């Protein structure tokens, strides 16, 4: 089998695969072999001379073989400062990310190891090392993102991050407040990988697999099984709380008809378009301890999204959202709130998913939902029942499929 990997643009034919094409695509992936005697995972190459339409496996595979059964998920990119290819790959059972360097994608030299650290309840998978610029500032930090399965905080599979420094060889985690956390506090965003070949100066962009190994094999299969998140751009935020990764979903190219959200009257229910749509909300200063919104698809099915200041939690509750695939599916997911960050909320609502971003994108929470109907209504709530000071915007989103 072929497991997770990455693809790079070899723009100077360092691999020797491109030939007359001058540049080509090279895939670096994990090969997985299993027999009654052993399980073996190795790192392999394939290349494409026609923009990814067809691929040729490298005759010299594997290019990395530690004779291990849990050695996988290479993330490769070009290191502009060191002028070589850099790989982050997981020794999954050992809770270690190993870094390698190569001049040609074929010969790899070990640089250093990171880990064990953070959450080690499950196997470490899909590591990605990214340099993240600071918002409106000259500084930056490196982020090392690592998947965990099983045993993630949300249950099943999830992804933790470490913020720190990378000197070209070794990653050292920071002890700044906020330098460790989860890239997504929902159940359904795993093994996010980064885009290679972005224009110079662009902030890193990642895209995740929208599912969870707890129930991926029981997912409905029509008209597809599984989907990806929207891509989101990363930046680094510093404030009185500490540091945080800010995630901004890239929706502007999809935005269509716009509607302003007016402050609701007590108990008012507002009709919203059929998904997909984007909802941006700002909750004004309030003494309410618990407040938020319910997204109804009929009178008996809804998803509740809100803030609980007494518990210092942001939450999404899909217990009553619709189809429950397995006993692990109906659940409430939570994320820690920062008191000095704004109470804002961005929702991307699609036919079977809700991607939520709160507190200026420093909280991300993605959950699948399988409603019985596609018509949506919106109702705001507060613990005391008093109206909330809310303003916002709603955009109908166009499909990404042409």
Protein backbone atom coordinates (compact mmCIF):
# COMPACT_ATOMS: atom_id res chain seq x y z
CA UNK A 1 0.00 0.00 0.00
CA UNK A 2 0.94 3.66 -0.35
CA UNK A 3 0.61 5.83 2.76
CA UNK A 4 0.74 9.59 3.25
CA UNK A 5 3.53 11.67 1.69
CA UNK A 6 4.08 14.93 -0.14
CA UNK A 7 4.85 16.29 -3.61
CA UNK A 8 7.46 18.90 -4.52
CA UNK A 9 8.30 20.85 -7.65
CA UNK A 10 11.88 19.97 -8.57
CA UNK A 11 12.50 23.24 -10.41
CA UNK A 12 16.26 22.71 -10.98
CA UNK A 13 16.20 18.97 -11.71
CA UNK A 14 18.18 18.15 -8.58
CA UNK A 15 16.77 14.61 -8.74
CA UNK A 16 17.80 14.00 -12.35
CA UNK A 17 14.24 12.86 -13.13
CA UNK A 18 13.13 15.91 -15.10
CA UNK A 19 15.49 15.73 -18.09
CA UNK A 20 14.33 17.88 -20.98
CA UNK A 21 11.28 18.97 -18.99
CA UNK A 22 13.67 21.13 -16.88
CA UNK A 23 11.29 20.88 -13.92
CA UNK A 24 8.98 18.12 -12.78
CA UNK A 25 6.92 16.86 -9.86
CA UNK A 26 8.44 14.41 -7.39
CA UNK A 27 6.32 12.52 -4.87
CA UNK A 28 7.87 11.28 -1.62
CA UNK A 29 5.61 8.70 0.00
CA UNK A 30 5.54 5.81 2.47
CA UNK A 31 5.49 2.30 1.09
CA UNK A 32 3.75 -0.17 3.41
CA UNK A 33 4.21 -3.94 3.21
CA UNK A 34 2.65 -6.44 5.58
CA UNK A 35 3.14 -10.18 5.89
CA UNK A 36 2.68 -12.72 8.70
CA UNK A 37 6.39 -12.36 9.38
CA UNK A 38 6.71 -8.56 9.51
CA UNK A 39 5.38 -5.09 8.75
CA UNK A 40 7.77 -2.77 6.91
CA UNK A 41 7.41 0.94 6.13
CA UNK A 42 9.88 2.75 3.86
CA UNK A 43 10.16 6.09 2.05
CA UNK A 44 9.93 6.01 -1.73
CA UNK A 45 9.94 8.29 -4.78
CA UNK A 46 7.87 8.66 -7.93
CA UNK A 47 8.06 11.41 -10.54
CA UNK A 48 5.79 12.96 -13.14
CA UNK A 49 6.79 14.72 -16.36
CA UNK A 50 3.22 15.70 -17.31
CA UNK A 51 2.01 17.83 -14.39
CA UNK A 52 0.88 14.88 -12.31
CA UNK A 53 -1.24 13.09 -14.93
CA UNK A 54 0.99 10.00 -14.86
CA UNK A 55 3.72 8.82 -12.51
CA UNK A 56 6.82 6.64 -12.75
CA UNK A 57 8.21 4.94 -9.66
CA UNK A 58 11.92 5.37 -9.02
CA UNK A 59 13.80 2.15 -9.79
CA UNK A 60 16.07 2.70 -6.77
CA UNK A 61 13.26 2.64 -4.18
CA UNK A 62 13.27 2.72 -1.23
CA UNK A 63 15.38 5.81 -0.57
CA UNK A 64 15.00 5.47 3.21
CA UNK A 65 14.64 2.14 5.01
CA UNK A 66 15.14 1.75 8.75
CA UNK A 67 13.71 -1.80 8.72
CA UNK A 68 10.87 -0.61 10.94
CA UNK A 69 7.14 -1.23 10.92
CA UNK A 70 6.10 2.29 11.95
CA UNK A 71 8.17 4.79 9.97
CA UNK A 72 5.91 6.96 7.83
CA UNK A 73 4.39 10.13 6.39
CA UNK A 74 7.31 12.16 4.95
CA UNK A 75 6.73 15.90 4.62
CA UNK A 76 9.33 17.34 2.23
CA UNK A 77 10.02 20.93 1.20
CA UNK A 78 12.91 23.03 -0.08
CA UNK A 79 14.98 24.81 2.58
CA UNK A 80 15.89 28.11 0.97
CA UNK A 81 18.49 29.03 3.61
CA UNK A 82 20.28 25.68 3.72
CA UNK A 83 19.86 25.01 -0.04
CA UNK A 84 18.72 21.43 0.34
CA UNK A 85 15.56 19.39 0.62
CA UNK A 86 14.25 18.93 4.16
CA UNK A 87 12.13 16.01 5.37
CA UNK A 88 10.12 15.58 8.56
CA UNK A 89 9.04 11.95 9.01
CA UNK A 90 7.50 10.07 11.91
CA UNK A 91 8.81 7.18 13.98
CA UNK A 92 5.20 6.62 14.93
CA UNK A 93 5.46 4.10 17.76
CA UNK A 94 8.41 5.92 19.34
CA UNK A 95 6.65 9.35 19.36
CA UNK A 96 9.57 10.90 17.51
CA UNK A 97 9.77 13.18 14.47
CA UNK A 98 13.05 12.74 12.60
CA UNK A 99 14.53 15.38 10.31
CA UNK A 100 16.59 14.57 7.22
CA UNK A 101 18.35 16.61 4.51
CA UNK A 102 19.06 15.75 0.87
CA UNK A 103 20.64 17.47 -2.14
CA UNK A 104 18.75 15.35 -4.67
CA UNK A 105 15.72 13.69 -2.97
CA UNK A 106 17.48 10.32 -3.29
CA UNK A 107 20.23 10.41 -0.65
CA UNK A 108 19.15 11.46 2.83
CA UNK A 109 21.27 12.46 5.85
CA UNK A 110 19.81 12.38 9.34
CA UNK A 111 19.80 15.79 11.06
CA UNK A 112 18.05 15.39 14.43
CA UNK A 113 15.11 13.97 16.37
CA UNK A 114 12.29 15.69 18.27
CA UNK A 115 10.22 13.92 20.91
CA UNK A 116 8.69 12.30 22.81
CA UNK A 117 6.78 15.40 23.97
CA UNK A 118 3.22 16.60 24.39
CA UNK A 119 0.55 13.95 23.86
CA UNK A 120 1.91 10.43 23.41
CA UNK A 121 -1.33 8.50 23.99
CA UNK A 122 -1.30 7.20 20.41
CA UNK A 123 0.94 6.84 17.38
CA UNK A 124 2.51 10.01 15.95
CA UNK A 125 1.65 10.59 12.28
CA UNK A 126 1.80 13.18 9.50
CA UNK A 127 4.41 15.63 10.86
CA UNK A 128 4.75 19.00 9.14
CA UNK A 129 7.33 21.70 9.96
CA UNK A 130 6.34 25.25 8.95
CA UNK A 131 7.79 28.70 9.44
CA UNK A 132 4.93 31.01 10.47
CA UNK A 133 5.28 34.82 10.22
CA UNK A 134 3.91 37.02 12.97
CA UNK A 135 0.83 39.13 12.26
CA UNK A 136 1.82 42.75 11.64
CA UNK A 137 5.27 42.13 13.05
CA UNK A 138 8.80 41.18 12.07
CA UNK A 139 9.04 38.04 14.18
CA UNK A 140 8.20 34.46 13.39
CA UNK A 141 8.27 31.02 14.97
CA UNK A 142 8.39 27.51 13.59
CA UNK A 143 5.45 25.18 14.10
CA UNK A 144 5.81 21.41 14.22
CA UNK A 145 2.41 19.79 13.71
CA UNK A 146 1.99 16.11 14.64
CA UNK A 147 -1.05 13.84 14.31
CA UNK A 148 -2.01 11.53 17.20
CA UNK A 149 -4.06 8.38 16.88
CA UNK A 150 -5.68 6.96 18.93
CA UNK A 151 -6.09 8.89 22.17
CA UNK A 152 -6.34 12.48 20.93
CA UNK A 153 -7.96 14.99 23.25
CA UNK A 154 -11.19 15.03 21.24
CA UNK A 155 -11.31 11.24 20.98
CA UNK A 156 -9.88 9.13 18.16
CA UNK A 157 -7.50 11.09 15.92
CA UNK A 158 -6.38 14.69 16.32
CA UNK A 159 -3.39 16.97 15.78
CA UNK A 160 -1.14 18.76 18.24
CA UNK A 161 1.37 21.51 17.52
CA UNK A 162 4.58 22.76 19.08
CA UNK A 163 5.84 26.30 18.48
CA UNK A 164 9.56 26.86 18.70
CA UNK A 165 12.79 27.48 16.81
CA UNK A 166 14.50 25.59 13.99
CA UNK A 167 18.14 26.32 13.14
CA UNK A 168 18.20 24.28 9.95
CA UNK A 169 19.02 21.06 11.76
CA UNK A 170 17.22 20.88 15.10
CA UNK A 171 13.74 21.90 16.30
CA UNK A 172 13.52 23.17 19.90
CA UNK A 173 10.08 23.76 21.43
CA UNK A 174 9.38 27.10 23.09
CA UNK A 175 8.11 27.50 26.66
CA UNK A 176 6.08 30.61 25.85
CA UNK A 177 2.41 30.48 26.95
CA UNK A 178 0.36 29.08 24.06
CA UNK A 179 3.31 27.40 22.35
CA UNK A 180 1.65 23.98 22.67
CA UNK A 181 -1.92 23.14 21.65
CA UNK A 182 -4.19 21.48 19.10
CA UNK A 183 -4.51 22.70 15.53
CA UNK A 184 -8.18 21.71 15.58
CA UNK A 185 -10.44 21.03 18.55
CA UNK A 186 -13.14 19.27 16.55
CA UNK A 187 -13.39 15.57 15.78
CA UNK A 188 -12.88 15.85 12.04
CA UNK A 189 -9.65 17.46 10.92
CA UNK A 190 -6.67 15.11 10.74
CA UNK A 191 -3.31 14.86 9.00
CA UNK A 192 -3.40 18.39 7.60
CA UNK A 193 -0.64 18.86 5.04
CA UNK A 194 0.90 22.02 3.64
CA UNK A 195 1.01 23.35 0.09
CA UNK A 196 4.43 23.29 -1.57
CA UNK A 197 5.47 25.77 -4.25
CA UNK A 198 3.62 28.83 -2.92
CA UNK A 199 4.83 32.23 -4.17
CA UNK A 200 7.75 33.55 -2.13
CA UNK A 201 6.55 35.53 0.88
CA UNK A 202 3.18 33.75 1.13
CA UNK A 203 2.14 32.55 4.56
CA UNK A 204 1.88 28.75 4.83
CA UNK A 205 -1.42 27.14 3.84
CA UNK A 206 -2.65 23.77 5.08
CA UNK A 207 -5.57 21.48 4.20
CA UNK A 208 -6.88 18.64 6.37
CA UNK A 209 -8.66 15.32 6.01
CA UNK A 210 -12.18 15.85 7.35
CA UNK A 211 -12.80 12.63 9.25
CA UNK A 212 -11.74 10.61 12.29
CA UNK A 213 -10.30 7.10 12.43
CA UNK A 214 -12.90 6.25 15.10
CA UNK A 215 -15.61 6.00 12.44
CA UNK A 216 -14.07 6.67 9.00
CA UNK A 217 -14.87 3.13 7.82
CA UNK A 218 -18.54 3.59 8.74
CA UNK A 219 -18.97 6.88 6.89
CA UNK A 220 -21.85 7.14 4.39
CA UNK A 221 -20.61 6.32 0.89
CA UNK A 222 -22.96 8.30 -1.34
CA UNK A 223 -22.08 10.30 -3.32
CA UNK A 224 -18.57 10.01 -1.84
CA UNK A 225 -16.75 8.84 1.26
CA UNK A 226 -14.78 11.53 3.00
CA UNK A 227 -13.76 15.05 2.09
CA UNK A 228 -11.10 17.67 2.74
CA UNK A 229 -11.35 20.85 4.78
CA UNK A 230 -11.10 24.24 3.15
CA UNK A 231 -7.50 25.42 2.85
CA UNK A 232 -6.55 27.87 5.58
CA UNK A 233 -3.71 30.39 5.80
CA UNK A 234 -1.58 30.42 8.96
CA UNK A 235 -0.10 33.35 10.86
CA UNK A 236 1.33 33.88 14.33
CA UNK A 237 -0.51 36.00 16.88
CA UNK A 238 1.02 37.47 20.05
CA UNK A 239 -1.03 39.15 22.81
CA UNK A 240 -1.36 39.27 26.61
CA UNK A 241 -2.45 35.62 26.64
CA UNK A 242 0.69 34.45 24.86
CA UNK A 243 1.28 33.15 21.34
CA UNK A 244 -1.16 31.30 19.08
CA UNK A 245 -1.50 30.03 15.55
CA UNK A 246 -4.19 31.97 13.70
CA UNK A 247 -6.01 30.08 10.93
CA UNK A 248 -7.90 31.91 8.20
CA UNK A 249 -10.02 29.81 5.81
CA UNK A 250 -9.63 30.91 2.21
CA UNK A 251 -13.21 31.65 1.16
CA UNK A 252 -13.05 34.95 -0.72
CA UNK A 253 -12.93 33.35 -4.22
CA UNK A 254 -16.11 31.40 -3.39
CA UNK A 255 -18.21 34.22 -1.96
CA UNK A 256 -21.46 35.07 -3.69
CA UNK A 257 -24.58 36.91 -2.49
CA UNK A 258 -24.04 38.88 0.73
CA UNK A 259 -26.49 39.54 3.56
CA UNK A 260 -25.91 41.65 6.67
CA UNK A 261 -26.90 40.00 9.95
CA UNK A 262 -29.06 42.32 12.04
CA UNK A 263 -29.24 42.22 15.86
CA UNK A 264 -31.92 39.61 16.60
CA UNK A 265 -35.03 40.15 18.67
CA UNK A 266 -35.71 37.88 21.63
CA UNK A 267 -36.37 34.33 20.47
CA UNK A 268 -36.15 35.31 16.79
CA UNK A 269 -35.35 32.55 14.31
CA UNK A 270 -33.71 33.62 11.07
CA UNK A 271 -33.78 31.68 7.81
CA UNK A 272 -30.42 31.22 6.12
CA UNK A 273 -29.57 29.93 2.65
CA UNK A 274 -29.17 26.29 1.80
CA UNK A 275 -25.52 25.30 2.38
CA UNK A 276 -22.79 26.02 1.55
CA UNK A 277 -22.53 29.45 3.20
CA UNK A 278 -20.14 31.47 5.36
CA UNK A 279 -21.29 33.26 8.51
CA UNK A 280 -19.13 35.89 10.28
CA UNK A 281 -20.41 37.07 13.67
CA UNK A 282 -19.20 39.49 16.32
CA UNK A 283 -20.75 39.19 19.76
CA UNK A 284 -20.65 42.52 21.61
CA UNK A 285 -19.60 42.98 25.22
CA UNK A 286 -21.94 40.89 27.31
CA UNK A 287 -22.27 39.79 30.93
CA UNK A 288 -23.75 36.51 29.74
CA UNK A 289 -21.81 33.46 30.88
CA UNK A 290 -23.17 31.12 28.19
CA UNK A 291 -24.25 32.31 24.75
CA UNK A 292 -24.17 31.34 21.11
CA UNK A 293 -26.37 30.01 18.34
CA UNK A 294 -28.25 26.97 17.16
CA UNK A 295 -28.26 25.93 13.53
CA UNK A 296 -31.53 24.07 12.89
CA UNK A 297 -32.26 21.78 9.94
CA UNK A 298 -35.73 20.94 11.33
CA UNK A 299 -37.46 21.23 14.71
CA UNK A 300 -35.81 18.08 16.07
CA UNK A 301 -32.29 18.50 14.70
CA UNK A 302 -29.76 21.19 15.41
CA UNK A 303 -26.09 21.91 16.06
CA UNK A 304 -25.27 24.21 18.96
CA UNK A 305 -22.19 26.44 18.83
CA UNK A 306 -21.21 28.88 21.52
CA UNK A 307 -19.11 30.27 24.34
CA UNK A 308 -19.17 29.20 27.99
CA UNK A 309 -17.29 31.85 29.94
CA UNK A 310 -17.88 30.12 33.28
CA UNK A 311 -15.97 27.05 32.02
CA UNK A 312 -13.72 29.15 29.74
CA UNK A 313 -14.72 26.99 26.78
CA UNK A 314 -15.75 27.39 23.18
CA UNK A 315 -17.95 24.46 22.15
CA UNK A 316 -19.82 22.74 19.34
CA UNK A 317 -22.48 20.16 20.21
CA UNK A 318 -23.65 17.87 17.39
CA UNK A 319 -25.50 15.44 19.69
CA UNK A 320 -28.83 16.35 18.08
CA UNK A 321 -27.52 17.20 14.61
CA UNK A 322 -28.92 14.21 12.68
CA UNK A 323 -27.55 10.84 11.59
CA UNK A 324 -25.30 9.22 14.20
CA UNK A 325 -22.87 6.91 12.41
CA UNK A 326 -21.49 5.14 15.49
CA UNK A 327 -21.74 5.57 19.29
CA UNK A 328 -18.59 7.72 19.09
CA UNK A 329 -20.21 10.21 16.72
CA UNK A 330 -22.78 12.19 18.80
CA UNK A 331 -20.56 14.43 20.89
CA UNK A 332 -19.75 17.88 22.20
CA UNK A 333 -16.26 19.21 21.44
CA UNK A 334 -14.63 22.01 23.42
CA UNK A 335 -11.63 24.34 23.20
CA UNK A 336 -10.07 26.65 25.83
CA UNK A 337 -11.10 30.31 25.68
CA UNK A 338 -8.80 33.28 26.19
CA UNK A 339 -10.61 36.00 28.15
CA UNK A 340 -8.82 38.92 26.49
CA UNK A 341 -9.50 37.80 22.91
CA UNK A 342 -12.66 38.84 21.05
CA UNK A 343 -15.84 36.78 21.04
CA UNK A 344 -16.17 36.44 17.31
CA UNK A 345 -17.15 33.44 15.22
CA UNK A 346 -16.69 32.40 11.60
CA UNK A 347 -18.65 29.38 10.35
CA UNK A 348 -18.30 27.56 7.05
CA UNK A 349 -21.44 25.46 6.76
CA UNK A 350 -21.57 22.82 4.05
CA UNK A 351 -24.04 20.00 3.42
CA UNK A 352 -22.33 17.63 5.85
CA UNK A 353 -19.83 19.71 7.79
CA UNK A 354 -19.31 22.78 9.97
CA UNK A 355 -15.92 24.46 10.17
CA UNK A 356 -15.78 26.97 13.04
CA UNK A 357 -13.12 29.60 13.77
CA UNK A 358 -13.35 31.65 16.98
CA UNK A 359 -11.40 34.36 18.80
CA UNK A 360 -9.82 35.81 15.66
CA UNK A 361 -9.03 32.37 14.26
CA UNK A 362 -6.93 31.22 17.23
CA UNK A 363 -9.49 28.43 17.79
CA UNK A 364 -10.39 26.06 14.95
CA UNK A 365 -13.06 23.37 15.32
CA UNK A 366 -14.27 21.13 12.49
CA UNK A 367 -17.09 18.62 12.86
CA UNK A 368 -19.05 16.52 10.40
CA UNK A 369 -22.84 16.62 10.66
CA UNK A 370 -25.36 14.59 8.71
CA UNK A 371 -28.67 16.48 8.87
CA UNK A 372 -31.96 15.04 7.72
CA UNK A 373 -32.89 18.18 5.75
CA UNK A 374 -30.89 20.86 3.96
CA UNK A 375 -33.07 23.85 4.94
CA UNK A 376 -31.38 25.87 7.71
CA UNK A 377 -32.62 28.26 10.37
CA UNK A 378 -30.55 30.21 12.85
CA UNK A 379 -31.45 31.02 16.46
CA UNK A 380 -29.28 32.81 19.03
CA UNK A 381 -29.41 31.99 22.72
CA UNK A 382 -28.07 33.21 26.06
CA UNK A 383 -28.14 31.73 29.55
CA UNK A 384 -30.54 34.42 30.85
CA UNK A 385 -32.65 34.56 27.71
CA UNK A 386 -31.83 38.22 27.09
CA UNK A 387 -31.12 39.39 23.54
CA UNK A 388 -27.48 39.49 22.47
CA UNK A 389 -25.67 42.39 20.82
CA UNK A 390 -24.71 40.75 17.52
CA UNK A 391 -23.64 41.99 14.12
CA UNK A 392 -22.23 40.09 11.21
CA UNK A 393 -22.23 39.04 7.59
CA UNK A 394 -23.42 36.05 5.61
CA UNK A 395 -22.18 34.98 2.19
CA UNK A 396 -23.60 32.30 0.00
CA UNK A 397 -20.64 30.22 -1.20
CA UNK A 398 -20.20 28.86 -4.69
CA UNK A 399 -19.18 25.25 -5.17
CA UNK A 400 -15.47 24.55 -5.72
CA UNK A 401 -16.49 22.11 -8.48
CA UNK A 402 -16.69 23.63 -11.93
